[in-house]
Amino acid sequence: TEDEKAQIFDEFNATAMSSPRDKTIPQLFEEQAERTPDQVAVFCEGEKLTYRELNERANSLARTLRHAGVQTDSFVGLMTERSLAMIVGVFAIMKAGGAYVPIDPDYPEDRIRYMLEDSGAKLLLTQERLRERVSFEAGTVLTLDDPAVYSVDGSNLELVSGANDLAYVIYTSGTTGKPKGVMVEHHGLTNLKAYYDHTLRIGTEDHALLFASLSFDAACWEIFQALFCGATLYVPTSTTILNYQLFEAYMVEHDITIAALPPTYAVYLEPDEMPRLRILFTAGSASS
């Protein structure tokens, strides 16, 4: 009926809202860093960076990357363990204008080499202890734990990328053949800020969990839902994630309020043990 049509289109589907589609991911993060400079942005293994510190450190590295030739839509490999350095690398590459290509250091060497060759990356950011994971004779390797890769200038850089330029490339699992890189532009993530703000109402009191590997697209959701909104991003180690008991203890100890977990993890959590958990996303497999 006409009344039912009106209900569907005017009431149920009244979801339009403004979103910053003309901005880049680094721009939204820099705006948040300006609003909450002393708020803890990321926490990992007892170490932390405030929004100001994360922004300045990423700026310092981004300047080095630009001097190394990174420009708009350049592909830069990022192979790190779960750490503060991983988050610094993500933002530094985008601030320099490039698109990061996340590479899990646990991948076989031939897969790592294939991803670097297929993407055409000329630069690989990694950690010193991971340098021997792959030979990268076709490009330059910079280690995130080398103080020399950070410029003394930590101020924001002049923008060289726009909303329609590339932010990152995620490689598929390769189940139908060789892995294929899926290229994502900045506006694909920045338009989510309206959802984070108005629907999830994420703010400075939230503790958001980074569960997914950086090489999976879900990690982007987890990282930016926190760092677009002034929340603190908690990064547990792989050892913690792979042990249900350690993982639940981590959730409780750090008062996690937002998490995205596969159903196999969600069913093991004791809700009474974590009263601050207010949002739980679950996906990836059957939940029954």
Protein backbone atom coordinates (compact mmCIF):
# COMPACT_ATOMS: atom_id res chain seq x y z
CA THR A 1 0.00 0.00 0.00
CA GLU A 2 0.99 3.64 -0.26
CA ASP A 3 1.33 3.83 3.52
CA GLU A 4 3.66 0.84 3.53
CA LYS A 5 5.75 2.29 0.72
CA ALA A 6 6.04 5.56 2.62
CA GLN A 7 7.11 3.64 5.73
CA ILE A 8 9.80 1.73 3.83
CA PHE A 9 11.23 4.70 1.95
CA ASP A 10 10.66 7.56 4.37
CA GLU A 11 11.02 5.86 7.74
CA PHE A 12 12.98 2.61 7.52
CA ASN A 13 15.36 3.92 4.88
CA ALA A 14 15.88 7.42 6.24
CA THR A 15 19.61 6.79 6.63
CA ALA A 16 21.13 9.67 4.68
CA MET A 17 23.76 11.68 6.57
CA SER A 18 26.65 13.89 5.64
CA SER A 19 30.10 12.31 5.58
CA PRO A 20 33.60 13.68 4.90
CA ARG A 21 33.96 11.97 1.52
CA ASP A 22 36.19 14.76 0.23
CA LYS A 23 38.88 14.12 2.86
CA THR A 24 41.66 11.57 3.21
CA ILE A 25 42.29 9.16 6.07
CA PRO A 26 45.33 11.15 7.33
CA GLN A 27 43.28 14.36 7.31
CA LEU A 28 40.61 12.87 9.56
CA PHE A 29 43.26 11.49 11.89
CA GLU A 30 45.09 14.84 12.03
CA GLU A 31 41.84 16.60 12.91
CA GLN A 32 41.28 14.15 15.76
CA ALA A 33 44.88 14.57 16.94
CA GLU A 34 44.26 18.32 17.07
CA ARG A 35 41.15 17.79 19.21
CA THR A 36 42.61 15.19 21.61
CA PRO A 37 46.43 15.48 21.48
CA ASP A 38 47.05 13.97 24.93
CA GLN A 39 44.58 11.10 24.63
CA VAL A 40 46.23 7.68 24.29
CA ALA A 41 45.82 6.65 20.66
CA VAL A 42 47.35 3.16 20.65
CA PHE A 43 48.49 0.71 23.31
CA CYS A 44 50.55 -2.44 22.80
CA GLU A 45 52.49 -4.57 25.27
CA GLY A 46 52.76 -1.88 27.92
CA GLU A 47 53.82 0.79 25.43
CA LYS A 48 51.61 3.60 24.22
CA LEU A 49 51.49 6.64 21.96
CA THR A 50 49.22 9.63 22.39
CA TYR A 51 47.46 11.12 19.39
CA ARG A 52 50.09 13.87 19.26
CA GLU A 53 52.97 11.37 19.49
CA LEU A 54 51.50 9.04 16.87
CA ASN A 55 50.83 11.92 14.50
CA GLU A 56 54.31 13.41 14.87
CA ARG A 57 56.06 10.06 14.57
CA ALA A 58 54.10 9.21 11.43
CA ASN A 59 54.91 12.66 10.00
CA SER A 60 58.61 12.15 10.69
CA LEU A 61 58.64 8.82 8.89
CA ALA A 62 56.47 10.14 6.05
CA ARG A 63 59.09 12.81 5.27
CA THR A 64 61.72 10.11 4.90
CA LEU A 65 59.40 8.12 2.65
CA ARG A 66 58.84 11.12 0.40
CA HIS A 67 62.59 11.64 0.12
CA ALA A 68 62.82 7.97 -0.83
CA GLY A 69 60.45 8.57 -3.75
CA VAL A 70 57.00 7.78 -2.35
CA GLN A 71 54.34 9.87 -4.03
CA THR A 72 50.62 9.73 -4.81
CA ASP A 73 49.46 6.13 -5.37
CA SER A 74 52.93 4.64 -4.81
CA PHE A 75 52.73 1.12 -3.37
CA VAL A 76 54.75 0.53 -0.20
CA GLY A 77 55.05 -2.88 1.42
CA LEU A 78 54.45 -2.99 5.18
CA MET A 79 55.61 -6.18 6.91
CA THR A 80 55.58 -5.95 10.70
CA GLU A 81 54.57 -7.82 13.78
CA ARG A 82 51.62 -6.46 15.77
CA SER A 83 53.11 -3.38 17.39
CA LEU A 84 53.04 0.40 17.74
CA ALA A 85 55.41 0.54 14.77
CA MET A 86 52.78 -1.16 12.60
CA ILE A 87 50.28 1.66 13.22
CA VAL A 88 52.98 4.30 12.69
CA GLY A 89 53.84 2.69 9.36
CA VAL A 90 50.21 2.65 8.20
CA PHE A 91 49.78 6.38 8.72
CA ALA A 92 53.26 7.34 7.53
CA ILE A 93 52.77 5.66 4.16
CA MET A 94 49.42 7.38 3.59
CA LYS A 95 50.74 10.75 4.80
CA ALA A 96 53.56 10.45 2.27
CA GLY A 97 50.91 9.94 -0.41
CA GLY A 98 51.38 6.23 -0.89
CA ALA A 99 49.18 3.17 -0.49
CA TYR A 100 50.30 0.57 2.03
CA VAL A 101 50.44 -3.10 1.10
CA PRO A 102 50.16 -5.10 4.35
CA ILE A 103 52.18 -8.32 4.37
CA ASP A 104 51.89 -10.85 7.19
CA PRO A 105 55.44 -11.86 8.20
CA ASP A 106 54.15 -15.41 8.75
CA TYR A 107 53.38 -15.79 5.04
CA PRO A 108 55.65 -18.15 3.07
CA GLU A 109 58.59 -16.37 1.46
CA ASP A 110 57.33 -17.00 -2.07
CA ARG A 111 53.98 -15.37 -1.27
CA ILE A 112 55.71 -12.32 0.25
CA ARG A 113 57.93 -12.02 -2.82
CA TYR A 114 54.93 -12.39 -5.13
CA MET A 115 52.99 -9.60 -3.37
CA LEU A 116 55.94 -7.22 -3.59
CA GLU A 117 56.54 -8.02 -7.26
CA ASP A 118 52.87 -7.99 -8.25
CA SER A 119 52.18 -4.65 -6.55
CA GLY A 120 55.30 -3.09 -8.04
CA ALA A 121 56.38 -1.83 -4.62
CA LYS A 122 59.81 -0.21 -4.64
CA LEU A 123 59.98 0.21 -0.88
CA LEU A 124 59.42 -2.18 2.02
CA LEU A 125 58.91 -1.06 5.61
CA THR A 126 59.68 -3.77 8.15
CA GLN A 127 61.39 -4.45 11.47
CA GLU A 128 65.03 -5.42 11.89
CA ARG A 129 64.20 -8.91 13.15
CA LEU A 130 62.11 -9.56 10.02
CA ARG A 131 64.59 -8.40 7.37
CA GLU A 132 65.68 -11.93 6.56
CA ARG A 133 62.10 -13.08 5.83
CA VAL A 134 62.44 -12.13 2.17
CA SER A 135 65.05 -10.97 -0.27
CA PHE A 136 63.99 -7.64 -1.82
CA GLU A 137 66.67 -6.88 -4.38
CA ALA A 138 64.25 -4.91 -6.58
CA GLY A 139 63.67 -2.20 -4.00
CA THR A 140 64.71 -0.47 -0.79
CA VAL A 141 64.15 -1.80 2.73
CA LEU A 142 63.69 0.56 5.69
CA THR A 143 63.40 -0.71 9.25
CA LEU A 144 60.91 0.96 11.57
CA ASP A 145 63.11 0.41 14.62
CA ASP A 146 66.00 2.40 13.11
CA PRO A 147 65.98 5.94 14.59
CA ALA A 148 67.65 7.22 11.42
CA VAL A 149 64.46 6.74 9.36
CA TYR A 150 62.63 9.42 11.36
CA SER A 151 63.06 13.05 10.35
CA VAL A 152 63.45 15.65 13.10
CA ASP A 153 60.45 17.49 11.65
CA GLY A 154 57.23 16.03 13.02
CA SER A 155 54.82 18.64 11.67
CA ASN A 156 51.98 17.76 9.30
CA LEU A 157 52.97 17.43 5.66
CA GLU A 158 51.47 19.19 2.69
CA LEU A 159 48.76 17.01 1.16
CA VAL A 160 49.59 15.27 -2.10
CA SER A 161 46.67 12.81 -2.17
CA GLY A 162 42.93 13.30 -2.45
CA ALA A 163 39.88 11.31 -1.47
CA ASN A 164 39.92 9.39 -4.77
CA ASP A 165 43.55 8.34 -4.49
CA LEU A 166 44.64 4.96 -3.13
CA ALA A 167 44.98 4.33 0.60
CA TYR A 168 45.90 0.64 0.71
CA VAL A 169 45.89 -2.67 -1.18
CA ILE A 170 44.60 -5.90 0.37
CA TYR A 171 45.56 -9.18 -1.27
CA THR A 172 42.96 -11.95 -1.45
CA SER A 173 43.59 -15.40 -0.04
CA GLY A 174 44.32 -16.75 -3.50
CA THR A 175 41.92 -19.71 -3.28
CA THR A 176 41.10 -19.41 -7.00
CA GLY A 177 44.68 -19.00 -8.15
CA LYS A 178 47.30 -16.41 -7.39
CA PRO A 179 46.32 -13.72 -4.85
CA LYS A 180 44.90 -10.54 -6.34
CA GLY A 181 45.33 -7.07 -4.89
CA VAL A 182 42.14 -5.13 -4.14
CA MET A 183 42.83 -1.38 -4.27
CA VAL A 184 40.87 0.84 -1.87
CA GLU A 185 40.62 4.62 -2.09
CA HIS A 186 40.50 6.99 0.87
CA HIS A 187 36.79 7.81 0.56
CA GLY A 188 36.01 4.11 1.00
CA LEU A 189 36.99 4.50 4.66
CA THR A 190 36.40 8.17 5.41
CA ASN A 191 32.67 7.87 4.71
CA LEU A 192 32.47 5.46 7.66
CA LYS A 193 33.26 8.25 10.11
CA ALA A 194 29.62 9.35 10.11
CA TYR A 195 28.62 5.81 11.12
CA TYR A 196 31.27 5.66 13.83
CA ASP A 197 30.11 9.01 15.22
CA HIS A 198 26.34 8.89 14.94
CA THR A 199 25.46 5.20 15.10
CA LEU A 200 28.21 3.60 17.19
CA ARG A 201 28.86 6.85 19.09
CA ILE A 202 32.54 6.03 19.53
CA GLY A 203 34.45 8.52 21.68
CA THR A 204 37.38 9.07 24.00
CA GLU A 205 36.02 6.71 26.67
CA ASP A 206 36.13 3.73 24.31
CA HIS A 207 38.79 1.04 24.22
CA ALA A 208 38.69 -0.56 20.75
CA LEU A 209 40.34 -3.89 19.99
CA LEU A 210 42.52 -4.66 16.96
CA PHE A 211 41.83 -8.37 16.51
CA ALA A 212 42.28 -8.89 12.77
CA SER A 213 45.61 -9.25 11.04
CA LEU A 214 46.63 -6.11 9.16
CA SER A 215 46.56 -8.18 5.98
CA PHE A 216 42.77 -8.56 6.33
CA ASP A 217 40.44 -5.70 5.46
CA ALA A 218 38.65 -5.99 8.82
CA ALA A 219 41.73 -4.45 10.44
CA CYS A 220 41.03 -1.17 8.63
CA TRP A 221 37.58 -1.00 10.21
CA GLU A 222 39.08 -1.65 13.66
CA ILE A 223 41.95 0.82 13.36
CA PHE A 224 40.02 3.75 11.96
CA GLN A 225 36.91 3.36 14.10
CA ALA A 226 39.21 4.13 17.02
CA LEU A 227 41.57 6.71 15.56
CA PHE A 228 38.94 8.78 13.71
CA CYS A 229 37.02 9.22 16.96
CA GLY A 230 39.47 9.75 19.82
CA ALA A 231 39.24 6.23 21.23
CA THR A 232 42.24 4.12 22.30
CA LEU A 233 43.24 1.24 20.02
CA TYR A 234 44.47 -1.84 21.88
CA VAL A 235 46.78 -4.18 19.97
CA PRO A 236 47.18 -7.63 21.57
CA THR A 237 50.02 -9.88 20.43
CA SER A 238 49.45 -12.90 18.21
CA THR A 239 50.23 -15.13 21.21
CA THR A 240 47.38 -13.55 23.17
CA ILE A 241 44.93 -13.84 20.29
CA LEU A 242 45.69 -17.53 19.72
CA ASN A 243 44.96 -18.47 23.35
CA TYR A 244 41.31 -18.15 24.43
CA GLN A 245 42.16 -17.81 28.11
CA LEU A 246 44.84 -15.17 27.55
CA PHE A 247 42.55 -13.36 25.15
CA GLU A 248 39.63 -13.18 27.57
CA ALA A 249 41.97 -12.00 30.32
CA TYR A 250 43.23 -9.28 27.96
CA MET A 251 39.69 -8.12 27.20
CA VAL A 252 38.92 -7.88 30.92
CA GLU A 253 42.21 -6.29 31.98
CA HIS A 254 41.98 -3.51 29.41
CA ASP A 255 38.24 -2.83 29.71
CA ILE A 256 37.64 -3.36 25.99
CA THR A 257 34.39 -1.66 24.95
CA ILE A 258 34.32 -2.42 21.21
CA ALA A 259 35.40 -5.63 19.50
CA ALA A 260 34.92 -7.44 16.20
CA LEU A 261 35.36 -11.17 16.64
CA PRO A 262 34.61 -14.35 14.68
CA PRO A 263 31.82 -16.42 16.27
CA THR A 264 34.29 -19.04 17.48
CA TYR A 265 35.76 -16.39 19.78
CA ALA A 266 32.52 -14.70 20.71
CA VAL A 267 31.02 -17.91 22.16
CA TYR A 268 33.93 -18.35 24.57
CA LEU A 269 33.60 -14.93 26.16
CA GLU A 270 31.84 -14.60 29.50
CA PRO A 271 29.70 -11.43 29.26
CA ASP A 272 29.52 -11.07 33.04
CA GLU A 273 33.31 -10.82 33.16
CA MET A 274 33.45 -7.78 30.86
CA PRO A 275 30.68 -5.34 31.75
CA ARG A 276 32.27 -2.52 29.73
CA LEU A 277 31.99 -4.36 26.41
CA ARG A 278 29.16 -2.43 24.77
CA ILE A 279 29.57 -3.30 21.06
CA LEU A 280 30.42 -6.72 19.66
CA PHE A 281 30.53 -7.36 15.93
CA THR A 282 30.74 -10.96 14.78
CA ALA A 283 31.19 -12.21 11.25
CA GLY A 284 33.23 -14.47 9.04
CA SER A 285 31.50 -17.78 9.66
CA ALA A 286 28.19 -19.23 10.82
CA SER A 287 27.15 -17.94 14.24
CA SER A 288 24.73 -20.74 15.12
